[in-house]
Structures are given as C-alpha cells and as structure tokens.
Amino acid sequence: MRILIKNGHVIGSSQKKSGILDVVIENGRITEIGKDLQEQPNCDLIDATGKYILPGLVDAHCHLRDPGFEYKEDIESGTRSAAMGGFTSVACMPNTNPVIDNQAMVKYVINKGKHEALVNVYPIGAISKGQKGEELSEIGELKFAGAVAVSDDGKPVRSAALMKKVLQYASMFDMTVISHCEDLELADEGVMNEGYQSTVMGLKGIPSAAEEVMVSRDLILAEYTKTPIHLAHISTELSVDLIRNAKKRGVKVTAETCPHYFSITEEACSGFNTYAKVNPPLRTQKDVDAVIDGLRDGTIDIIATDHAPHHYDEKNVEFNAALNGMVGFETALPLAITNLVRPGHITMEKLVEKMCVNPSKILGLNKGVLDIGRPADIVIVDVEEEYTVDIQKFQSKAKNSPFDGYRLYGTVNCTIVNGKIVVREKVLL
C-alpha cells in the first residue's frame, strides 16, 4: 500500500526537510518527502492542508498495568488510547504483578505488544528484584531480552549504595536508568503538596523537599560515577534549578516533566478531587512557572505522560485513600500545544524535540524523526482546532483525568504506525 500525505507542514526531519511538503509511505517506510509529489494508482491519499505532519510521539514513561492489573488497563486498551493521542511508541514501567524484573516478563510484554498493541511497545525493567530496593535485577539479561531502560518507578531507590551500583552497572550495557525521586521519610505518607492548600483542606502534605533531596542525591551520584541518569516527573522549582546547575557542570543528566506539572496547580485538588491526586503531587504556580522555564531553556529534556490508569472505584473514595495517578495519553499533546506553544514558551519545533526526538534518543530507539528510509511513524495534528475534553470518550479503560471539560487546542487527525493508519479523521480504525 502506498500512502501519500499532501500539503502538510512537515517538522521533525533530521534531513532538513521542512515546510509545506508531501510525504510518501511505501511498505511501512517513508520513501519520499518533497513538494508536489504525484498521486499514483492504488494510492491512499491523505489531505493534511492546514495541519502539521510530525514524527509519531514517543512516550518514555507510562503504565500499561499488564500483567496483573488488567482491570485498570491492558496493552490493547492502553495503546488504543496512545494512538488517539498521537503516540506511536510508548515505554511502559515495570510496576506490574509480577514485576518486570526478569527476561520472561520483558519477553511477555514484547510478545503481547506485537500481537495486541496498536503502537510500538517497549518494556522498562525494574532496577531491583521485585522493586524491593534490596538486590539489583539482572540488568544485562533485561537489556538482552529487549528492555530499553531500568526504573523502580512508583518506588524510589532508597539506598544510595544501590543507586550507585545500578548507575555503574547499567552504563556497561548502555542502559538508561530512570529515577523516581522521592524521599519516603520526608513524604511521610502525605497525600498532596504541603502548603496553603493542604492546610485549608486539612490534608497531610508532602514537602517539595521530598523530591529535591533525592534529585540532589542522584545528581551527586551521577557526577561521582560519571554515568548518565534520567530523572522522572520533575515538579518543583528547586529541582529544576538543581538540574540546570548540574548540566552546567557537565553532569550526564536528562530530565522529564509531565503535562500536568506545567498546566495546573495544587488548587486542582480543591473539593477533594481525587483525579488530581498524583505523585509527585501538583505544586504551586511558581513551580509551574519554573517547569515551563526548564522546558524553554533545555533543562528539562522531554515531556512524558506518566499515564497512570486506575479503576473508578480506586478514585471514588476519600482523598487519603485514593490511589495516585491520572491518565495522560489523550490530553498530553493538546495540553502542550495549549500551555506551551500557543503562549509562545516554546515553538512547535521544540515541542517535537521534547515529545519525539529526545525521548527516542534517551531510550535508544530508532524513532522520533521523519526521515526517508525510516519506519513510517507519523502523526497529523491540527493545532488550531479547539475542543472540549470529554473523559467518557477516552479509549483508555480508565477515565481518571482532572481535565474533563477543559477547552484545549490541538487535535490528532491521523496516526500512522509502521505505515499502517490506526487513526483517521480523529476516528480509531
């Protein structure tokens, strides 16, 4: 099947092909990018006039809940949601049941992804066996089985000695280490950001220092060992400053944030809205501004969703008892366009770096660019179209998003994965 995409604004080619162009796909790969390319017999034509043609989005941090928690989400439903959001590649965290801490579990995710997923699925292995923080997983075996990174996300690596070992060991295999920065003693079972809002609501708070202390520790260890580290879901002003200064010193650190950390504040928890309960918690406006500054100046390298689906019954409880997390695949790109691109904080070119190029580089994937000869992972986006978020229309099994009813810009018109159209005219095929 030959697919011809006409008259879209191409961004994201390392071959310096940009502007209003046509893109040809044959046998699952991009074969031509240029002006006024001719339609041929049996050619599937897609008109992208007035829209952007971008590399398929790459999410370096999500939770597909499979195996063990398929009542929340599974690989099929999660990747349906990802495709609707314009993601063509996703890396899923290992906090499943059983934990993805061995070759068999890595292969399970890869094999199920091949048979059931609508997008490319890459498993992330656990740093420690069972995510218990006691003994390193067999990182070499995880790598050879197909894991693209290691992380104990959902749980911090509490032992500095263990984190030092994993940095040294993983670097031997060119394996990305993703750190969940949280000091559990400082967090002390808090349920939202510690400050005015938590006081008003009468809830136990989590101080920003719970994140910042661990960010500091991990930066020190990365600098000492001269090995790379990737810091997940950065949310505070001081964390951004610490990373910025570390980069200036030459520390091999990359960092991510999530759309909710540059879009809303702790005030979203008002009325005990459990859909706004996440970890790390939503912060203050000055933290939001600092995260945006970090994205603008390159301190924060990527935007990841931290897509965290939960069953309705796990959120429809008292705030203290509700589980942390929100779904994010289907709102990530619109939130970025609405809150970063339209106000002029970053350009569309920079957004492609944050959501396509850089996550692919950090995970060592052959994705994230629109180049001739590459697999045809493409998203077509209308950045001018405004719509109202309706969580009941999400393709995810879960609906736990605080953005229900928000007016956002940026709709995914078409998603193409390895040359196969999986979303067309905003409809999942």
Protein backbone atom coordinates (compact mmCIF):
# COMPACT_ATOMS: atom_id res chain seq x y z
CA MET A 1 0.00 0.00 0.00
CA ARG A 2 1.27 3.44 -0.99
CA ILE A 3 0.12 6.34 1.16
CA LEU A 4 0.52 9.95 0.01
CA ILE A 5 0.12 12.71 2.59
CA LYS A 6 -0.35 16.04 0.82
CA ASN A 7 0.29 19.67 1.75
CA GLY A 8 1.12 19.38 5.45
CA HIS A 9 3.65 21.41 7.41
CA VAL A 10 6.47 18.92 7.99
CA ILE A 11 8.53 19.24 11.19
CA GLY A 12 10.97 16.74 12.64
CA SER A 13 13.24 15.68 9.78
CA SER A 14 16.95 15.41 10.55
CA GLN A 15 17.44 15.57 6.78
CA LYS A 16 16.43 19.25 6.91
CA LYS A 17 13.19 18.73 5.06
CA SER A 18 10.64 21.14 6.50
CA GLY A 19 7.85 23.41 5.38
CA ILE A 20 4.71 22.65 3.35
CA LEU A 21 5.55 19.27 1.82
CA ASP A 22 4.17 15.90 0.80
CA VAL A 23 5.18 12.59 2.36
CA VAL A 24 5.06 9.19 0.65
CA ILE A 25 4.88 5.90 2.57
CA GLU A 26 5.52 2.52 0.95
CA ASN A 27 5.92 -0.87 2.60
CA GLY A 28 5.82 0.67 6.05
CA ARG A 29 8.60 3.20 5.44
CA ILE A 30 8.92 6.82 4.38
CA THR A 31 10.19 6.80 0.80
CA GLU A 32 9.80 10.43 -0.30
CA ILE A 33 9.45 13.89 1.24
CA GLY A 34 9.08 16.78 -1.18
CA LYS A 35 6.86 19.26 -2.99
CA ASP A 36 4.09 18.38 -5.42
CA LEU A 37 4.61 14.62 -5.29
CA GLN A 38 2.34 12.84 -7.72
CA GLU A 39 -0.51 10.56 -6.82
CA GLN A 40 -0.27 7.10 -8.35
CA PRO A 41 -2.84 4.32 -8.95
CA ASN A 42 -3.97 2.49 -5.80
CA CYS A 43 -2.59 5.30 -3.66
CA ASP A 44 -4.28 6.17 -0.37
CA LEU A 45 -4.44 9.97 -0.29
CA ILE A 46 -4.49 11.95 2.97
CA ASP A 47 -5.02 15.71 2.73
CA ALA A 48 -3.05 17.44 5.51
CA THR A 49 -3.69 21.01 4.34
CA GLY A 50 -3.50 23.40 7.29
CA LYS A 51 -2.11 20.72 9.57
CA TYR A 52 1.29 19.63 10.87
CA ILE A 53 2.93 16.37 9.84
CA LEU A 54 5.07 15.30 12.78
CA PRO A 55 7.02 12.21 13.83
CA GLY A 56 4.87 9.90 15.91
CA LEU A 57 5.10 10.92 19.56
CA VAL A 58 7.35 8.85 21.83
CA ASP A 59 6.35 8.43 25.49
CA ALA A 60 9.25 7.46 27.73
CA HIS A 61 7.10 6.91 30.83
CA CYS A 62 3.70 5.25 31.04
CA HIS A 63 1.89 2.49 32.88
CA LEU A 64 0.01 -0.14 30.88
CA ARG A 65 -0.81 -2.24 34.00
CA ASP A 66 -0.25 -5.51 32.16
CA PRO A 67 0.31 -8.10 33.62
CA GLY A 68 -1.62 -8.21 36.85
CA PHE A 69 -3.83 -5.13 36.79
CA GLU A 70 -5.69 -5.55 33.53
CA TYR A 71 -8.89 -4.34 35.18
CA LYS A 72 -7.30 -0.86 35.11
CA GLU A 73 -5.68 -1.09 31.67
CA ASP A 74 -4.07 -3.61 29.36
CA ILE A 75 -1.70 -3.40 26.42
CA GLU A 76 -4.51 -3.27 23.87
CA SER A 77 -6.60 -0.59 25.60
CA GLY A 78 -3.58 1.44 26.63
CA THR A 79 -2.17 1.54 23.12
CA ARG A 80 -5.57 2.42 21.66
CA SER A 81 -5.51 5.43 23.95
CA ALA A 82 -1.90 6.18 22.97
CA ALA A 83 -2.75 6.10 19.27
CA MET A 84 -5.63 8.52 19.79
CA GLY A 85 -3.17 10.87 21.48
CA GLY A 86 -0.70 10.72 18.60
CA PHE A 87 1.79 8.39 20.28
CA THR A 88 3.32 5.73 18.08
CA SER A 89 5.86 4.41 20.62
CA VAL A 90 5.46 4.00 24.38
CA ALA A 91 7.76 2.69 27.11
CA CYS A 92 5.90 1.04 29.98
CA MET A 93 7.04 0.96 33.60
CA PRO A 94 7.68 -2.32 35.45
CA ASN A 95 5.40 -1.90 38.49
CA THR A 96 3.11 -4.71 37.36
CA ASN A 97 2.24 -8.01 39.03
CA PRO A 98 4.56 -9.80 38.70
CA VAL A 99 7.14 -7.04 38.40
CA ILE A 100 9.02 -6.81 35.10
CA ASP A 101 12.37 -7.77 36.64
CA ASN A 102 13.45 -10.76 34.53
CA GLN A 103 13.77 -11.90 30.94
CA ALA A 104 10.49 -13.79 30.90
CA MET A 105 8.49 -10.72 31.91
CA VAL A 106 10.25 -8.49 29.37
CA LYS A 107 9.51 -11.00 26.63
CA TYR A 108 5.88 -11.27 27.79
CA VAL A 109 5.36 -7.54 27.26
CA ILE A 110 7.16 -7.54 23.91
CA ASN A 111 5.23 -10.55 22.60
CA LYS A 112 1.88 -9.27 23.78
CA GLY A 113 2.71 -5.90 22.27
CA LYS A 114 3.39 -7.50 18.90
CA HIS A 115 0.03 -9.29 18.90
CA GLU A 116 -2.29 -6.80 20.62
CA ALA A 117 -0.80 -3.31 20.59
CA LEU A 118 -1.74 -0.59 18.12
CA VAL A 119 1.59 1.19 18.67
CA ASN A 120 5.18 0.16 19.38
CA VAL A 121 5.59 -1.02 23.00
CA TYR A 122 8.94 -1.05 24.80
CA PRO A 123 9.22 -2.51 28.31
CA ILE A 124 11.23 -0.87 31.07
CA GLY A 125 12.76 -3.35 33.52
CA ALA A 126 12.95 -2.96 37.28
CA ILE A 127 16.15 -1.71 38.91
CA SER A 128 15.73 -4.07 41.84
CA LYS A 129 14.19 -7.51 42.12
CA GLY A 130 10.53 -7.15 42.97
CA GLN A 131 11.09 -3.38 43.21
CA LYS A 132 12.07 -4.03 46.81
CA GLY A 133 15.23 -1.93 46.65
CA GLU A 134 17.35 -4.72 48.11
CA GLU A 135 19.04 -6.57 45.24
CA LEU A 136 19.81 -5.49 41.69
CA SER A 137 17.88 -7.13 38.87
CA GLU A 138 19.91 -8.92 36.21
CA ILE A 139 20.27 -5.76 34.16
CA GLY A 140 22.29 -7.37 31.38
CA GLU A 141 19.63 -10.02 30.90
CA LEU A 142 16.89 -7.37 30.86
CA LYS A 143 18.80 -5.50 28.15
CA PHE A 144 19.33 -8.58 26.00
CA ALA A 145 15.66 -9.54 26.37
CA GLY A 146 14.61 -6.15 24.97
CA ALA A 147 14.16 -3.74 27.89
CA VAL A 148 15.02 -0.16 26.90
CA ALA A 149 15.68 1.20 30.41
CA VAL A 150 15.51 0.29 34.10
CA SER A 151 13.50 2.00 36.82
CA ASP A 152 11.77 1.26 40.10
CA ASP A 153 9.22 3.96 39.25
CA GLY A 154 6.42 4.08 41.74
CA LYS A 155 9.04 3.38 44.39
CA PRO A 156 12.28 5.27 44.97
CA VAL A 157 15.62 3.50 45.24
CA ARG A 158 16.12 4.36 48.89
CA SER A 159 19.66 3.06 49.17
CA ALA A 160 22.30 5.42 47.78
CA ALA A 161 24.70 2.49 47.58
CA LEU A 162 22.27 0.53 45.40
CA MET A 163 21.69 3.53 43.14
CA LYS A 164 25.45 3.95 42.75
CA LYS A 165 25.74 0.28 41.75
CA VAL A 166 22.95 0.45 39.20
CA LEU A 167 24.43 3.54 37.58
CA GLN A 168 27.78 1.84 37.20
CA TYR A 169 26.36 -1.50 36.08
CA ALA A 170 23.74 -0.14 33.69
CA SER A 171 26.28 2.10 31.97
CA MET A 172 28.22 -1.02 30.96
CA PHE A 173 25.18 -2.07 28.91
CA ASP A 174 24.37 1.46 27.68
CA MET A 175 21.11 1.15 29.62
CA THR A 176 19.15 4.22 30.73
CA VAL A 177 18.49 4.48 34.47
CA ILE A 178 15.24 6.32 35.28
CA SER A 179 14.98 7.55 38.86
CA HIS A 180 11.78 8.16 40.80
CA CYS A 181 12.99 10.94 43.10
CA GLU A 182 11.16 10.71 46.41
CA ASP A 183 12.38 10.59 49.99
CA LEU A 184 9.71 8.47 51.67
CA GLU A 185 10.64 9.63 55.16
CA LEU A 186 10.10 13.24 54.16
CA ALA A 187 6.97 12.40 52.19
CA ASP A 188 5.73 10.69 55.37
CA GLU A 189 2.51 9.35 53.82
CA GLY A 190 1.37 12.80 52.71
CA VAL A 191 -1.32 12.99 50.05
CA MET A 192 -0.80 16.37 48.31
CA ASN A 193 1.65 19.24 48.15
CA GLU A 194 2.46 20.68 51.57
CA GLY A 195 1.42 24.30 51.78
CA TYR A 196 -1.53 26.62 51.98
CA GLN A 197 -3.88 24.38 50.01
CA SER A 198 -3.19 21.27 52.09
CA THR A 199 -3.70 23.32 55.26
CA VAL A 200 -7.04 24.66 54.04
CA MET A 201 -8.17 21.17 53.08
CA GLY A 202 -6.91 19.63 56.31
CA LEU A 203 -4.79 17.07 54.49
CA LYS A 204 -1.29 15.86 55.27
CA GLY A 205 1.17 17.44 52.89
CA ILE A 206 4.25 16.24 51.02
CA PRO A 207 7.03 18.84 51.17
CA SER A 208 8.78 19.77 47.94
CA ALA A 209 11.99 18.76 49.70
CA ALA A 210 10.90 15.10 49.43
CA GLU A 211 11.62 15.34 45.71
CA GLU A 212 14.51 17.77 45.87
CA VAL A 213 16.61 15.83 48.37
CA MET A 214 16.56 12.77 46.11
CA VAL A 215 17.21 14.85 43.00
CA SER A 216 20.30 16.21 44.76
CA ARG A 217 21.45 12.73 45.79
CA ASP A 218 21.07 11.28 42.32
CA LEU A 219 22.85 14.21 40.68
CA ILE A 220 25.75 13.76 43.10
CA LEU A 221 25.93 10.04 42.34
CA ALA A 222 25.78 10.59 38.58
CA GLU A 223 28.54 13.18 38.83
CA TYR A 224 30.67 10.95 41.07
CA THR A 225 30.31 7.87 38.87
CA LYS A 226 30.48 9.88 35.62
CA THR A 227 27.49 7.92 34.35
CA PRO A 228 24.16 9.10 32.89
CA ILE A 229 20.90 9.30 34.81
CA HIS A 230 17.38 10.27 33.80
CA LEU A 231 15.14 11.93 36.39
CA ALA A 232 11.41 11.28 36.10
CA HIS A 233 8.42 13.63 36.56
CA ILE A 234 10.23 16.78 37.80
CA SER A 235 7.75 19.09 39.50
CA THR A 236 9.44 21.72 41.70
CA GLU A 237 11.31 24.97 41.20
CA LEU A 238 14.38 23.86 43.15
CA SER A 239 14.56 20.53 41.29
CA VAL A 240 14.72 22.46 38.01
CA ASP A 241 17.46 24.71 39.39
CA LEU A 242 19.47 21.74 40.68
CA ILE A 243 19.32 20.02 37.29
CA ARG A 244 20.18 23.24 35.45
CA ASN A 245 23.28 23.77 37.58
CA ALA A 246 24.30 20.11 37.27
CA LYS A 247 24.13 20.34 33.48
CA LYS A 248 26.35 23.41 33.57
CA ARG A 249 28.91 21.33 35.48
CA GLY A 250 28.78 18.63 32.83
CA VAL A 251 26.76 16.05 34.76
CA LYS A 252 25.25 13.48 32.41
CA VAL A 253 21.66 14.09 33.43
CA THR A 254 18.44 14.22 31.46
CA ALA A 255 15.06 15.06 32.93
CA GLU A 256 11.38 14.85 32.16
CA THR A 257 8.23 16.52 33.31
CA CYS A 258 4.58 15.74 32.62
CA PRO A 259 1.80 17.90 31.16
CA HIS A 260 0.02 18.26 34.49
CA TYR A 261 3.10 19.87 36.06
CA PHE A 262 3.05 22.76 33.58
CA SER A 263 -0.74 23.01 33.22
CA ILE A 264 -2.40 23.00 36.66
CA THR A 265 -1.53 23.62 40.30
CA GLU A 266 -2.44 22.11 43.66
CA GLU A 267 -5.69 24.08 43.50
CA ALA A 268 -6.99 21.36 41.17
CA CYS A 269 -7.31 19.22 44.33
CA SER A 270 -9.98 21.60 45.67
CA GLY A 271 -13.21 19.86 46.51
CA PHE A 272 -11.11 16.77 47.29
CA ASN A 273 -10.84 15.97 43.58
CA THR A 274 -9.05 12.62 43.60
CA TYR A 275 -8.46 12.79 39.85
CA ALA A 276 -5.89 15.48 40.66
CA LYS A 277 -4.08 13.28 43.17
CA VAL A 278 -0.72 12.30 41.68
CA ASN A 279 2.80 11.51 42.82
CA PRO A 280 4.76 13.75 42.91
CA PRO A 281 1.85 16.00 43.80
CA LEU A 282 0.66 19.02 41.86
CA ARG A 283 2.61 22.04 43.10
CA THR A 284 2.27 25.84 43.23
CA GLN A 285 2.18 28.41 40.43
CA LYS A 286 5.86 29.28 40.95
CA ASP A 287 6.71 25.62 40.45
CA VAL A 288 4.62 25.52 37.27
CA ASP A 289 6.43 28.62 36.00
CA ALA A 290 9.81 27.05 36.83
CA VAL A 291 8.93 23.85 34.96
CA ILE A 292 7.96 25.92 31.91
CA ASP A 293 11.27 27.81 32.18
CA GLY A 294 13.07 24.47 32.37
CA LEU A 295 11.37 23.30 29.20
CA ARG A 296 12.14 26.59 27.48
CA ASP A 297 15.87 26.63 28.23
CA GLY A 298 16.50 22.89 27.77
CA THR A 299 16.98 21.99 31.43
CA ILE A 300 14.05 19.59 31.07
CA ASP A 301 14.64 17.41 28.02
CA ILE A 302 11.35 15.64 27.47
CA ILE A 303 7.64 15.65 28.16
CA ALA A 304 6.32 12.24 29.26
CA THR A 305 2.75 11.37 30.16
CA ASP A 306 3.17 9.19 33.27
CA HIS A 307 -0.13 7.73 32.04
CA ALA A 308 -1.44 6.04 35.21
CA PRO A 309 -4.87 4.44 34.77
CA HIS A 310 -6.94 3.44 37.79
CA HIS A 311 -10.36 1.84 38.15
CA TYR A 312 -13.23 4.16 39.06
CA ASP A 313 -13.59 2.51 42.47
CA GLU A 314 -9.94 3.30 43.29
CA LYS A 315 -10.55 7.01 42.79
CA ASN A 316 -14.14 7.26 44.02
CA VAL A 317 -13.05 7.16 47.67
CA GLU A 318 -11.81 9.57 50.34
CA PHE A 319 -8.84 11.66 49.16
CA ASN A 320 -6.49 9.99 51.64
CA ALA A 321 -7.44 6.53 50.37
CA ALA A 322 -7.41 7.29 46.63
CA LEU A 323 -4.55 5.96 44.53
CA ASN A 324 -2.09 8.34 42.88
CA GLY A 325 -2.10 8.97 39.15
CA MET A 326 -4.03 10.22 36.14
CA VAL A 327 -4.42 9.06 32.55
CA GLY A 328 -2.49 11.17 30.09
CA PHE A 329 -2.16 9.80 26.56
CA GLU A 330 -5.13 11.61 25.05
CA THR A 331 -4.51 15.03 26.62
CA ALA A 332 -0.70 15.29 26.56
CA LEU A 333 -0.25 16.89 23.14
CA PRO A 334 -3.22 19.29 23.44
CA LEU A 335 -2.03 20.43 26.89
CA ALA A 336 1.44 21.07 25.48
CA ILE A 337 0.09 23.00 22.50
CA THR A 338 -2.32 25.00 24.66
CA ASN A 339 0.01 25.81 27.55
CA LEU A 340 3.44 25.87 25.91
CA VAL A 341 3.22 26.56 22.18
CA ARG A 342 0.29 28.97 21.91
CA PRO A 343 1.58 31.27 24.70
CA GLY A 344 4.97 31.33 22.95
CA HIS A 345 7.02 29.49 25.59
CA ILE A 346 8.35 27.01 23.02
CA THR A 347 7.95 26.51 19.27
CA MET A 348 6.42 23.52 17.54
CA GLU A 349 9.95 22.54 16.55
CA LYS A 350 10.96 22.49 20.22
CA LEU A 351 7.85 20.53 21.12
CA VAL A 352 8.82 17.87 18.57
CA GLU A 353 12.22 17.68 20.29
CA LYS A 354 10.56 17.23 23.70
CA MET A 355 7.96 14.67 22.62
CA CYS A 356 9.66 12.82 19.74
CA VAL A 357 13.39 13.31 19.24
CA ASN A 358 14.74 13.45 22.79
CA PRO A 359 12.71 10.60 24.32
CA SER A 360 13.78 8.39 21.42
CA LYS A 361 17.44 9.29 21.98
CA ILE A 362 17.28 8.76 25.74
CA LEU A 363 15.76 5.28 25.29
CA GLY A 364 17.97 4.38 22.34
CA LEU A 365 15.11 3.92 19.88
CA ASN A 366 15.18 4.34 16.12
CA LYS A 367 12.15 6.63 16.33
CA GLY A 368 11.20 10.27 16.67
CA VAL A 369 12.19 11.66 13.25
CA LEU A 370 10.61 12.00 9.81
CA ASP A 371 13.39 10.76 7.55
CA ILE A 372 13.43 8.90 4.26
CA GLY A 373 14.10 5.23 4.91
CA ARG A 374 12.78 5.30 8.48
CA PRO A 375 9.69 3.40 9.68
CA ALA A 376 6.59 5.46 8.93
CA ASP A 377 5.53 6.52 12.43
CA ILE A 378 3.64 9.75 11.79
CA VAL A 379 1.02 11.94 13.44
CA ILE A 380 -1.00 14.64 11.67
CA VAL A 381 -2.12 17.40 14.02
CA ASP A 382 -4.44 20.38 13.70
CA VAL A 383 -3.01 22.87 16.21
CA GLU A 384 -5.73 25.47 15.57
CA GLU A 385 -8.71 23.26 16.31
CA GLU A 386 -10.21 23.78 19.76
CA TYR A 387 -12.18 21.07 21.51
CA THR A 388 -13.65 20.18 24.89
CA VAL A 389 -12.12 17.26 26.77
CA ASP A 390 -14.66 14.51 27.45
CA ILE A 391 -13.16 11.76 29.58
CA GLN A 392 -16.02 9.41 28.72
CA LYS A 393 -14.73 9.33 25.14
CA PHE A 394 -11.23 8.22 26.15
CA GLN A 395 -10.10 4.94 24.60
CA SER A 396 -8.38 4.03 27.87
CA LYS A 397 -10.27 1.75 30.23
CA ALA A 398 -9.68 4.42 32.87
CA LYS A 399 -11.16 7.92 32.97
CA ASN A 400 -9.20 9.41 35.86
CA SER A 401 -8.27 12.80 34.43
CA PRO A 402 -8.79 16.21 36.07
CA PHE A 403 -9.01 17.83 32.61
CA ASP A 404 -12.61 16.81 31.91
CA GLY A 405 -14.41 19.83 30.41
CA TYR A 406 -11.21 21.78 29.67
CA ARG A 407 -11.07 23.68 26.38
CA LEU A 408 -7.82 22.75 24.64
CA TYR A 409 -6.18 23.33 21.28
CA GLY A 410 -4.65 20.63 19.13
CA THR A 411 -6.43 17.58 17.76
CA VAL A 412 -4.87 14.42 16.40
CA ASN A 413 -6.32 13.93 12.94
CA CYS A 414 -4.32 10.86 11.90
CA THR A 415 -1.87 8.43 13.49
CA ILE A 416 0.24 6.09 11.36
CA VAL A 417 2.29 3.30 12.96
CA ASN A 418 4.87 1.46 10.83
CA GLY A 419 2.99 2.55 7.72
CA LYS A 420 -0.43 1.42 8.99
CA ILE A 421 -3.13 4.02 9.54
CA VAL A 422 -4.60 3.40 13.01
CA VAL A 423 -6.38 6.73 13.50
CA ARG A 424 -8.02 8.58 10.60
CA GLU A 425 -10.15 11.73 10.72
CA LYS A 426 -9.95 11.52 14.54
CA VAL A 427 -11.50 8.03 14.50
CA LEU A 428 -9.72 4.90 15.73
CA LEU A 429 -9.75 2.26 13.00
